[in-house]
Amino acid sequence: SPRLPSQRYLDVMSRAYAAGCSIKRAGSGTLGLCNVANGRTDG
């Protein structure tokens, strides 16, 4: 969201990649949660 500085998101991405986690974005927060519920993503 542009409500927060982009650097904060980049920092999260950097930590996730460093831990070996894959990152994606699909553009719907609600469906993002649903995709965790059905096991398509892990978080």
PDB file of all heavy atoms in Angstrom:
ATOM      1  N   SER A   1       0.846  -1.189   0.000  1.00  0.00           N
ATOM      2  CA  SER A   1       0.000   0.000   0.000  1.00  0.00           C
ATOM      3  C   SER A   1       0.879   1.236   0.000  1.00  0.00           C
ATOM      4  O   SER A   1       1.901   1.268   0.710  1.00  0.00           O
ATOM      5  CB  SER A   1      -0.897   0.021   1.245  1.00  0.00           C
ATOM      6  OG  SER A   1      -1.472   1.310   1.418  1.00  0.00           O
ATOM      7  N   PRO A   2       0.497   2.273  -0.764  1.00  0.00           N
ATOM      8  CA  PRO A   2       1.265   3.517  -0.736  1.00  0.00           C
ATOM      9  C   PRO A   2       1.085   4.310   0.551  1.00  0.00           C
ATOM     10  O   PRO A   2       1.700   5.363   0.723  1.00  0.00           O
ATOM     11  CB  PRO A   2       0.713   4.290  -1.942  1.00  0.00           C
ATOM     12  CG  PRO A   2      -0.672   3.780  -2.121  1.00  0.00           C
ATOM     13  CD  PRO A   2      -0.611   2.331  -1.727  1.00  0.00           C
ATOM     14  N   ARG A   3       0.271   3.798   1.483  1.00  0.00           N
ATOM     15  CA  ARG A   3       0.083   4.500   2.755  1.00  0.00           C
ATOM     16  C   ARG A   3       1.336   4.471   3.616  1.00  0.00           C
ATOM     17  O   ARG A   3       1.463   5.261   4.546  1.00  0.00           O
ATOM     18  CB  ARG A   3      -1.099   3.897   3.519  1.00  0.00           C
ATOM     19  CG  ARG A   3      -2.460   4.169   2.894  1.00  0.00           C
ATOM     20  CD  ARG A   3      -3.585   3.645   3.774  1.00  0.00           C
ATOM     21  NE  ARG A   3      -3.592   2.201   3.860  1.00  0.00           N
ATOM     22  CZ  ARG A   3      -4.228   1.396   3.020  1.00  0.00           C
ATOM     23  NH1 ARG A   3      -4.882   1.901   1.981  1.00  0.00           N
ATOM     24  NH2 ARG A   3      -4.209   0.084   3.173  1.00  0.00           N
ATOM     25  N   LEU A   4       2.233   3.522   3.333  1.00  0.00           N
ATOM     26  CA  LEU A   4       3.468   3.404   4.100  1.00  0.00           C
ATOM     27  C   LEU A   4       4.664   3.538   3.166  1.00  0.00           C
ATOM     28  O   LEU A   4       4.565   3.253   1.972  1.00  0.00           O
ATOM     29  CB  LEU A   4       3.525   2.044   4.807  1.00  0.00           C
ATOM     30  CG  LEU A   4       2.462   1.785   5.886  1.00  0.00           C
ATOM     31  CD1 LEU A   4       2.633   0.378   6.437  1.00  0.00           C
ATOM     32  CD2 LEU A   4       2.549   2.811   7.001  1.00  0.00           C
ATOM     33  N   PRO A   5       5.820   3.939   3.697  1.00  0.00           N
ATOM     34  CA  PRO A   5       7.014   4.066   2.854  1.00  0.00           C
ATOM     35  C   PRO A   5       7.383   2.735   2.206  1.00  0.00           C
ATOM     36  O   PRO A   5       7.360   1.678   2.854  1.00  0.00           O
ATOM     37  CB  PRO A   5       8.093   4.518   3.836  1.00  0.00           C
ATOM     38  CG  PRO A   5       7.352   5.146   4.976  1.00  0.00           C
ATOM     39  CD  PRO A   5       6.077   4.371   5.095  1.00  0.00           C
ATOM     40  N   SER A   6       7.753   2.790   0.941  1.00  0.00           N
ATOM     41  CA  SER A   6       8.091   1.570   0.210  1.00  0.00           C
ATOM     42  C   SER A   6       9.240   0.812   0.860  1.00  0.00           C
ATOM     43  O   SER A   6       9.306  -0.426   0.788  1.00  0.00           O
ATOM     44  CB  SER A   6       8.454   1.908  -1.235  1.00  0.00           C
ATOM     45  OG  SER A   6       7.347   2.437  -1.919  1.00  0.00           O
ATOM     46  N   GLN A   7      10.151   1.542   1.508  1.00  0.00           N
ATOM     47  CA  GLN A   7      11.315   0.889   2.099  1.00  0.00           C
ATOM     48  C   GLN A   7      10.910  -0.152   3.139  1.00  0.00           C
ATOM     49  O   GLN A   7      11.591  -1.188   3.283  1.00  0.00           O
ATOM     50  CB  GLN A   7      12.249   1.927   2.735  1.00  0.00           C
ATOM     51  CG  GLN A   7      13.588   1.342   3.189  1.00  0.00           C
ATOM     52  CD  GLN A   7      14.359   0.721   2.038  1.00  0.00           C
ATOM     53  OE1 GLN A   7      14.513   1.327   0.988  1.00  0.00           O
ATOM     54  NE2 GLN A   7      14.825  -0.512   2.230  1.00  0.00           N
ATOM     55  N   ARG A   8       9.825   0.078   3.833  1.00  0.00           N
ATOM     56  CA  ARG A   8       9.394  -0.898   4.833  1.00  0.00           C
ATOM     57  C   ARG A   8       9.017  -2.229   4.184  1.00  0.00           C
ATOM     58  O   ARG A   8       9.324  -3.304   4.712  1.00  0.00           O
ATOM     59  CB  ARG A   8       8.223  -0.352   5.652  1.00  0.00           C
ATOM     60  CG  ARG A   8       8.613   0.799   6.570  1.00  0.00           C
ATOM     61  CD  ARG A   8       7.477   1.220   7.466  1.00  0.00           C
ATOM     62  NE  ARG A   8       6.982   0.120   8.293  1.00  0.00           N
ATOM     63  CZ  ARG A   8       5.926   0.223   9.108  1.00  0.00           C
ATOM     64  NH1 ARG A   8       5.280   1.384   9.213  1.00  0.00           N
ATOM     65  NH2 ARG A   8       5.527  -0.813   9.820  1.00  0.00           N
ATOM     66  N   TYR A   9       8.378  -2.163   3.023  1.00  0.00           N
ATOM     67  CA  TYR A   9       8.036  -3.384   2.302  1.00  0.00           C
ATOM     68  C   TYR A   9       9.286  -4.044   1.734  1.00  0.00           C
ATOM     69  O   TYR A   9       9.420  -5.272   1.756  1.00  0.00           O
ATOM     70  CB  TYR A   9       7.045  -3.073   1.180  1.00  0.00           C
ATOM     71  CG  TYR A   9       5.681  -2.705   1.690  1.00  0.00           C
ATOM     72  CD1 TYR A   9       5.316  -1.387   1.874  1.00  0.00           C
ATOM     73  CD2 TYR A   9       4.746  -3.691   2.010  1.00  0.00           C
ATOM     74  CE1 TYR A   9       4.058  -1.044   2.357  1.00  0.00           C
ATOM     75  CE2 TYR A   9       3.498  -3.361   2.497  1.00  0.00           C
ATOM     76  CZ  TYR A   9       3.156  -2.041   2.667  1.00  0.00           C
ATOM     77  OH  TYR A   9       1.915  -1.709   3.154  1.00  0.00           O
ATOM     78  N   LEU A  10      10.207  -3.231   1.232  1.00  0.00           N
ATOM     79  CA  LEU A  10      11.452  -3.770   0.692  1.00  0.00           C
ATOM     80  C   LEU A  10      12.270  -4.464   1.774  1.00  0.00           C
ATOM     81  O   LEU A  10      12.907  -5.496   1.522  1.00  0.00           O
ATOM     82  CB  LEU A  10      12.261  -2.650   0.037  1.00  0.00           C
ATOM     83  CG  LEU A  10      11.631  -2.022  -1.207  1.00  0.00           C
ATOM     84  CD1 LEU A  10      12.435  -0.807  -1.647  1.00  0.00           C
ATOM     85  CD2 LEU A  10      11.531  -3.037  -2.333  1.00  0.00           C
ATOM     86  N   ASP A  11      12.217  -3.930   2.993  1.00  0.00           N
ATOM     87  CA  ASP A  11      12.936  -4.556   4.103  1.00  0.00           C
ATOM     88  C   ASP A  11      12.343  -5.935   4.425  1.00  0.00           C
ATOM     89  O   ASP A  11      13.078  -6.895   4.691  1.00  0.00           O
ATOM     90  CB  ASP A  11      12.892  -3.668   5.343  1.00  0.00           C
ATOM     91  CG  ASP A  11      13.734  -2.410   5.210  1.00  0.00           C
ATOM     92  OD1 ASP A  11      14.587  -2.362   4.302  1.00  0.00           O
ATOM     93  OD2 ASP A  11      13.517  -1.468   5.995  1.00  0.00           O
ATOM     94  N   VAL A  12      11.004  -6.024   4.413  1.00  0.00           N
ATOM     95  CA  VAL A  12      10.362  -7.321   4.658  1.00  0.00           C
ATOM     96  C   VAL A  12      10.744  -8.309   3.558  1.00  0.00           C
ATOM     97  O   VAL A  12      11.087  -9.473   3.828  1.00  0.00           O
ATOM     98  CB  VAL A  12       8.838  -7.168   4.746  1.00  0.00           C
ATOM     99  CG1 VAL A  12       8.157  -8.547   4.816  1.00  0.00           C
ATOM    100  CG2 VAL A  12       8.443  -6.339   5.960  1.00  0.00           C
ATOM    101  N   MET A  13      10.698  -7.860   2.313  1.00  0.00           N
ATOM    102  CA  MET A  13      11.077  -8.727   1.202  1.00  0.00           C
ATOM    103  C   MET A  13      12.511  -9.206   1.340  1.00  0.00           C
ATOM    104  O   MET A  13      12.813 -10.385   1.120  1.00  0.00           O
ATOM    105  CB  MET A  13      10.899  -7.987  -0.126  1.00  0.00           C
ATOM    106  CG  MET A  13       9.464  -7.733  -0.506  1.00  0.00           C
ATOM    107  SD  MET A  13       9.318  -6.800  -2.048  1.00  0.00           S
ATOM    108  CE  MET A  13      10.055  -7.948  -3.204  1.00  0.00           C
ATOM    109  N   SER A  14      13.399  -8.316   1.723  1.00  0.00           N
ATOM    110  CA  SER A  14      14.806  -8.688   1.876  1.00  0.00           C
ATOM    111  C   SER A  14      14.986  -9.764   2.942  1.00  0.00           C
ATOM    112  O   SER A  14      15.716 -10.748   2.735  1.00  0.00           O
ATOM    113  CB  SER A  14      15.625  -7.441   2.234  1.00  0.00           C
ATOM    114  OG  SER A  14      16.976  -7.768   2.427  1.00  0.00           O
ATOM    115  N   ARG A  15      14.300  -9.605   4.079  1.00  0.00           N
ATOM    116  CA  ARG A  15      14.412 -10.605   5.145  1.00  0.00           C
ATOM    117  C   ARG A  15      13.817 -11.939   4.712  1.00  0.00           C
ATOM    118  O   ARG A  15      14.359 -13.015   5.040  1.00  0.00           O
ATOM    119  CB  ARG A  15      13.738 -10.096   6.423  1.00  0.00           C
ATOM    120  CG  ARG A  15      14.469  -8.924   7.091  1.00  0.00           C
ATOM    121  CD  ARG A  15      13.929  -8.653   8.476  1.00  0.00           C
ATOM    122  NE  ARG A  15      12.559  -8.149   8.476  1.00  0.00           N
ATOM    123  CZ  ARG A  15      12.218  -6.872   8.436  1.00  0.00           C
ATOM    124  NH1 ARG A  15      13.161  -5.936   8.355  1.00  0.00           N
ATOM    125  NH2 ARG A  15      10.944  -6.512   8.471  1.00  0.00           N
ATOM    126  N   ALA A  16      12.702 -11.876   3.977  1.00  0.00           N
ATOM    127  CA  ALA A  16      12.064 -13.112   3.517  1.00  0.00           C
ATOM    128  C   ALA A  16      12.956 -13.859   2.530  1.00  0.00           C
ATOM    129  O   ALA A  16      13.154 -15.085   2.643  1.00  0.00           O
ATOM    130  CB  ALA A  16      10.711 -12.797   2.878  1.00  0.00           C
ATOM    131  N   TYR A  17      13.504 -13.143   1.571  1.00  0.00           N
ATOM    132  CA  TYR A  17      14.390 -13.785   0.604  1.00  0.00           C
ATOM    133  C   TYR A  17      15.638 -14.344   1.280  1.00  0.00           C
ATOM    134  O   TYR A  17      16.113 -15.431   0.944  1.00  0.00           O
ATOM    135  CB  TYR A  17      14.788 -12.795  -0.491  1.00  0.00           C
ATOM    136  CG  TYR A  17      13.717 -12.548  -1.530  1.00  0.00           C
ATOM    137  CD1 TYR A  17      13.402 -11.256  -1.937  1.00  0.00           C
ATOM    138  CD2 TYR A  17      13.030 -13.612  -2.118  1.00  0.00           C
ATOM    139  CE1 TYR A  17      12.424 -11.015  -2.896  1.00  0.00           C
ATOM    140  CE2 TYR A  17      12.050 -13.387  -3.079  1.00  0.00           C
ATOM    141  CZ  TYR A  17      11.759 -12.089  -3.468  1.00  0.00           C
ATOM    142  OH  TYR A  17      10.796 -11.876  -4.411  1.00  0.00           O
ATOM    143  N   ALA A  18      16.166 -13.606   2.250  1.00  0.00           N
ATOM    144  CA  ALA A  18      17.352 -14.077   2.964  1.00  0.00           C
ATOM    145  C   ALA A  18      17.069 -15.374   3.721  1.00  0.00           C
ATOM    146  O   ALA A  18      17.954 -16.224   3.881  1.00  0.00           O
ATOM    147  CB  ALA A  18      17.840 -13.001   3.930  1.00  0.00           C
ATOM    148  N   ALA A  19      15.826 -15.533   4.181  1.00  0.00           N
ATOM    149  CA  ALA A  19      15.441 -16.752   4.898  1.00  0.00           C
ATOM    150  C   ALA A  19      15.138 -17.908   3.954  1.00  0.00           C
ATOM    151  O   ALA A  19      14.950 -19.041   4.400  1.00  0.00           O
ATOM    152  CB  ALA A  19      14.227 -16.475   5.782  1.00  0.00           C
ATOM    153  N   GLY A  20      15.078 -17.610   2.652  1.00  0.00           N
ATOM    154  CA  GLY A  20      14.794 -18.649   1.668  1.00  0.00           C
ATOM    155  C   GLY A  20      13.339 -18.763   1.278  1.00  0.00           C
ATOM    156  O   GLY A  20      12.930 -19.735   0.622  1.00  0.00           O
ATOM    157  N   CYS A  21      12.532 -17.771   1.655  1.00  0.00           N
ATOM    158  CA  CYS A  21      11.091 -17.788   1.395  1.00  0.00           C
ATOM    159  C   CYS A  21      10.792 -17.161   0.028  1.00  0.00           C
ATOM    160  O   CYS A  21      11.392 -16.159  -0.351  1.00  0.00           O
ATOM    161  CB  CYS A  21      10.380 -17.011   2.499  1.00  0.00           C
ATOM    162  SG  CYS A  21       8.591 -17.019   2.392  1.00  0.00           S
ATOM    163  N   SER A  22       9.864 -17.740  -0.700  1.00  0.00           N
ATOM    164  CA  SER A  22       9.402 -17.169  -1.965  1.00  0.00           C
ATOM    165  C   SER A  22       8.366 -16.082  -1.690  1.00  0.00           C
ATOM    166  O   SER A  22       7.574 -16.193  -0.749  1.00  0.00           O
ATOM    167  CB  SER A  22       8.786 -18.261  -2.830  1.00  0.00           C
ATOM    168  OG  SER A  22       8.181 -17.718  -3.990  1.00  0.00           O
ATOM    169  N   ILE A  23       8.368 -15.019  -2.531  1.00  0.00           N
ATOM    170  CA  ILE A  23       7.444 -13.896  -2.359  1.00  0.00           C
ATOM    171  C   ILE A  23       6.607 -13.735  -3.626  1.00  0.00           C
ATOM    172  O   ILE A  23       7.110 -13.869  -4.741  1.00  0.00           O
ATOM    173  CB  ILE A  23       8.201 -12.571  -2.115  1.00  0.00           C
ATOM    174  CG1 ILE A  23       8.983 -12.631  -0.810  1.00  0.00           C
ATOM    175  CG2 ILE A  23       7.243 -11.378  -2.099  1.00  0.00           C
ATOM    176  CD1 ILE A  23       8.123 -12.573   0.420  1.00  0.00           C
ATOM    177  N   LYS A  24       5.313 -13.419  -3.448  1.00  0.00           N
ATOM    178  CA  LYS A  24       4.480 -13.085  -4.596  1.00  0.00           C
ATOM    179  C   LYS A  24       3.458 -12.036  -4.187  1.00  0.00           C
ATOM    180  O   LYS A  24       3.276 -11.749  -3.001  1.00  0.00           O
ATOM    181  CB  LYS A  24       3.783 -14.321  -5.160  1.00  0.00           C
ATOM    182  CG  LYS A  24       2.742 -14.951  -4.256  1.00  0.00           C
ATOM    183  CD  LYS A  24       2.097 -16.131  -4.971  1.00  0.00           C
ATOM    184  CE  LYS A  24       0.975 -16.746  -4.167  1.00  0.00           C
ATOM    185  NZ  LYS A  24       0.319 -17.866  -4.881  1.00  0.00           N
ATOM    186  N   ARG A  25       2.792 -11.455  -5.184  1.00  0.00           N
ATOM    187  CA  ARG A  25       1.719 -10.495  -4.940  1.00  0.00           C
ATOM    188  C   ARG A  25       0.703 -10.612  -6.062  1.00  0.00           C
ATOM    189  O   ARG A  25       1.071 -10.587  -7.234  1.00  0.00           O
ATOM    190  CB  ARG A  25       2.251  -9.062  -4.863  1.00  0.00           C
ATOM    191  CG  ARG A  25       1.143  -8.043  -4.598  1.00  0.00           C
ATOM    192  CD  ARG A  25       1.680  -6.640  -4.344  1.00  0.00           C
ATOM    193  NE  ARG A  25       0.579  -5.747  -4.016  1.00  0.00           N
ATOM    194  CZ  ARG A  25      -0.077  -5.008  -4.913  1.00  0.00           C
ATOM    195  NH1 ARG A  25       0.271  -5.036  -6.192  1.00  0.00           N
ATOM    196  NH2 ARG A  25      -1.076  -4.227  -4.540  1.00  0.00           N
ATOM    197  N   ALA A  26      -0.584 -10.750  -5.695  1.00  0.00           N
ATOM    198  CA  ALA A  26      -1.624 -10.970  -6.693  1.00  0.00           C
ATOM    199  C   ALA A  26      -2.675  -9.864  -6.745  1.00  0.00           C
ATOM    200  O   ALA A  26      -3.550  -9.884  -7.603  1.00  0.00           O
ATOM    201  CB  ALA A  26      -2.308 -12.317  -6.462  1.00  0.00           C
ATOM    202  N   GLY A  27      -2.646  -8.902  -5.810  1.00  0.00           N
ATOM    203  CA  GLY A  27      -3.492  -7.722  -5.929  1.00  0.00           C
ATOM    204  C   GLY A  27      -4.837  -7.766  -5.246  1.00  0.00           C
ATOM    205  O   GLY A  27      -5.634  -6.842  -5.409  1.00  0.00           O
ATOM    206  N   SER A  28      -5.122  -8.812  -4.464  1.00  0.00           N
ATOM    207  CA  SER A  28      -6.351  -8.850  -3.664  1.00  0.00           C
ATOM    208  C   SER A  28      -6.004  -9.388  -2.289  1.00  0.00           C
ATOM    209  O   SER A  28      -5.682 -10.571  -2.131  1.00  0.00           O
ATOM    210  CB  SER A  28      -7.421  -9.745  -4.303  1.00  0.00           C
ATOM    211  OG  SER A  28      -8.473 -10.022  -3.383  1.00  0.00           O
ATOM    212  N   GLY A  29      -6.076  -8.515  -1.279  1.00  0.00           N
ATOM    213  CA  GLY A  29      -5.771  -8.948   0.072  1.00  0.00           C
ATOM    214  C   GLY A  29      -6.704 -10.037   0.561  1.00  0.00           C
ATOM    215  O   GLY A  29      -6.281 -10.996   1.211  1.00  0.00           O
ATOM    216  N   THR A  30      -7.984  -9.896   0.246  1.00  0.00           N
ATOM    217  CA  THR A  30      -8.962 -10.896   0.687  1.00  0.00           C
ATOM    218  C   THR A  30      -8.638 -12.264   0.113  1.00  0.00           C
ATOM    219  O   THR A  30      -8.611 -13.271   0.836  1.00  0.00           O
ATOM    220  CB  THR A  30     -10.379 -10.475   0.276  1.00  0.00           C
ATOM    221  OG1 THR A  30     -10.692  -9.211   0.862  1.00  0.00           O
ATOM    222  CG2 THR A  30     -11.406 -11.496   0.725  1.00  0.00           C
ATOM    223  N   LEU A  31      -8.380 -12.331  -1.196  1.00  0.00           N
ATOM    224  CA  LEU A  31      -8.035 -13.615  -1.795  1.00  0.00           C
ATOM    225  C   LEU A  31      -6.673 -14.094  -1.327  1.00  0.00           C
ATOM    226  O   LEU A  31      -6.418 -15.301  -1.283  1.00  0.00           O
ATOM    227  CB  LEU A  31      -8.083 -13.527  -3.317  1.00  0.00           C
ATOM    228  CG  LEU A  31      -9.483 -13.453  -3.926  1.00  0.00           C
ATOM    229  CD1 LEU A  31      -9.411 -13.358  -5.446  1.00  0.00           C
ATOM    230  CD2 LEU A  31     -10.341 -14.652  -3.508  1.00  0.00           C
ATOM    231  N   GLY A  32      -5.797 -13.155  -0.940  1.00  0.00           N
ATOM    232  CA  GLY A  32      -4.526 -13.559  -0.346  1.00  0.00           C
ATOM    233  C   GLY A  32      -4.736 -14.369   0.915  1.00  0.00           C
ATOM    234  O   GLY A  32      -4.081 -15.400   1.136  1.00  0.00           O
ATOM    235  N   LEU A  33      -5.662 -13.922   1.762  1.00  0.00           N
ATOM    236  CA  LEU A  33      -5.986 -14.679   2.966  1.00  0.00           C
ATOM    237  C   LEU A  33      -6.629 -16.014   2.615  1.00  0.00           C
ATOM    238  O   LEU A  33      -6.299 -17.054   3.196  1.00  0.00           O
ATOM    239  CB  LEU A  33      -6.914 -13.867   3.882  1.00  0.00           C
ATOM    240  CG  LEU A  33      -6.235 -12.959   4.912  1.00  0.00           C
ATOM    241  CD1 LEU A  33      -5.474 -11.815   4.233  1.00  0.00           C
ATOM    242  CD2 LEU A  33      -7.265 -12.396   5.898  1.00  0.00           C
ATOM    243  N   CYS A  34      -7.544 -15.994   1.656  1.00  0.00           N
ATOM    244  CA  CYS A  34      -8.225 -17.237   1.262  1.00  0.00           C
ATOM    245  C   CYS A  34      -7.238 -18.255   0.710  1.00  0.00           C
ATOM    246  O   CYS A  34      -7.399 -19.468   0.933  1.00  0.00           O
ATOM    247  CB  CYS A  34      -9.305 -16.932   0.226  1.00  0.00           C
ATOM    248  SG  CYS A  34     -10.736 -16.046   0.874  1.00  0.00           S
ATOM    249  N   ASN A  35      -6.213 -17.791   0.009  1.00  0.00           N
ATOM    250  CA  ASN A  35      -5.229 -18.716  -0.541  1.00  0.00           C
ATOM    251  C   ASN A  35      -4.341 -19.331   0.527  1.00  0.00           C
ATOM    252  O   ASN A  35      -3.776 -20.409   0.315  1.00  0.00           O
ATOM    253  CB  ASN A  35      -4.392 -18.022  -1.616  1.00  0.00           C
ATOM    254  CG  ASN A  35      -5.152 -17.850  -2.911  1.00  0.00           C
ATOM    255  OD1 ASN A  35      -6.031 -18.641  -3.238  1.00  0.00           O
ATOM    256  ND2 ASN A  35      -4.826 -16.811  -3.659  1.00  0.00           N
ATOM    257  N   VAL A  36      -4.205 -18.675   1.661  1.00  0.00           N
ATOM    258  CA  VAL A  36      -3.574 -19.326   2.813  1.00  0.00           C
ATOM    259  C   VAL A  36      -4.507 -20.402   3.354  1.00  0.00           C
ATOM    260  O   VAL A  36      -4.082 -21.523   3.664  1.00  0.00           O
ATOM    261  CB  VAL A  36      -3.224 -18.302   3.908  1.00  0.00           C
ATOM    262  CG1 VAL A  36      -2.669 -19.014   5.151  1.00  0.00           C
ATOM    263  CG2 VAL A  36      -2.214 -17.292   3.392  1.00  0.00           C
ATOM    264  N   ALA A  37      -5.784 -20.075   3.454  1.00  0.00           N
ATOM    265  CA  ALA A  37      -6.755 -21.022   3.999  1.00  0.00           C
ATOM    266  C   ALA A  37      -6.843 -22.303   3.183  1.00  0.00           C
ATOM    267  O   ALA A  37      -7.041 -23.387   3.746  1.00  0.00           O
ATOM    268  CB  ALA A  37      -8.134 -20.364   4.092  1.00  0.00           C
ATOM    269  N   ASN A  38      -6.703 -22.198   1.860  1.00  0.00           N
ATOM    270  CA  ASN A  38      -6.826 -23.408   1.043  1.00  0.00           C
ATOM    271  C   ASN A  38      -5.476 -24.047   0.714  1.00  0.00           C
ATOM    272  O   ASN A  38      -5.426 -25.005  -0.052  1.00  0.00           O
ATOM    273  CB  ASN A  38      -7.616 -23.122  -0.244  1.00  0.00           C
ATOM    274  CG  ASN A  38      -6.928 -22.140  -1.163  1.00  0.00           C
ATOM    275  OD1 ASN A  38      -5.713 -22.059  -1.212  1.00  0.00           O
ATOM    276  ND2 ASN A  38      -7.715 -21.391  -1.924  1.00  0.00           N
ATOM    277  N   GLY A  39      -4.388 -23.530   1.307  1.00  0.00           N
ATOM    278  CA  GLY A  39      -3.087 -24.152   1.165  1.00  0.00           C
ATOM    279  C   GLY A  39      -2.328 -23.796  -0.092  1.00  0.00           C
ATOM    280  O   GLY A  39      -1.251 -24.351  -0.347  1.00  0.00           O
ATOM    281  N   ARG A  40      -2.840 -22.843  -0.886  1.00  0.00           N
ATOM    282  CA  ARG A  40      -2.113 -22.450  -2.098  1.00  0.00           C
ATOM    283  C   ARG A  40      -0.854 -21.648  -1.768  1.00  0.00           C
ATOM    284  O   ARG A  40       0.105 -21.661  -2.524  1.00  0.00           O
ATOM    285  CB  ARG A  40      -3.027 -21.629  -3.000  1.00  0.00           C
ATOM    286  CG  ARG A  40      -4.170 -22.435  -3.602  1.00  0.00           C
ATOM    287  CD  ARG A  40      -5.121 -21.545  -4.374  1.00  0.00           C
ATOM    288  NE  ARG A  40      -6.274 -22.305  -4.847  1.00  0.00           N
ATOM    289  CZ  ARG A  40      -7.410 -21.759  -5.251  1.00  0.00           C
ATOM    290  NH1 ARG A  40      -7.545 -20.432  -5.237  1.00  0.00           N
ATOM    291  NH2 ARG A  40      -8.413 -22.512  -5.668  1.00  0.00           N
ATOM    292  N   THR A  41      -0.903 -20.905  -0.670  1.00  0.00           N
ATOM    293  CA  THR A  41       0.279 -20.235  -0.146  1.00  0.00           C
ATOM    294  C   THR A  41       0.381 -20.546   1.338  1.00  0.00           C
ATOM    295  O   THR A  41      -0.563 -21.069   1.946  1.00  0.00           O
ATOM    296  CB  THR A  41       0.227 -18.707  -0.352  1.00  0.00           C
ATOM    297  OG1 THR A  41      -0.948 -18.196   0.287  1.00  0.00           O
ATOM    298  CG2 THR A  41       0.192 -18.337  -1.821  1.00  0.00           C
ATOM    299  N   ASP A  42       1.516 -20.202   1.919  1.00  0.00           N
ATOM    300  CA  ASP A  42       1.747 -20.535   3.323  1.00  0.00           C
ATOM    301  C   ASP A  42       1.570 -19.350   4.258  1.00  0.00           C
ATOM    302  O   ASP A  42       1.501 -19.522   5.479  1.00  0.00           O
ATOM    303  CB  ASP A  42       3.160 -21.101   3.485  1.00  0.00           C
ATOM    304  CG  ASP A  42       3.390 -22.288   2.568  1.00  0.00           C
ATOM    305  OD1 ASP A  42       2.647 -23.272   2.679  1.00  0.00           O
ATOM    306  OD2 ASP A  42       4.301 -22.209   1.714  1.00  0.00           O
ATOM    307  N   GLY A  43       1.498 -18.132   3.700  1.00  0.00           N
ATOM    308  CA  GLY A  43       1.307 -16.957   4.533  1.00  0.00           C
ATOM    309  C   GLY A  43       0.909 -15.752   3.700  1.00  0.00           C
ATOM    310  O   GLY A  43       1.191 -15.686   2.490  1.00  0.00           O
TER     311      GLY A  43
END
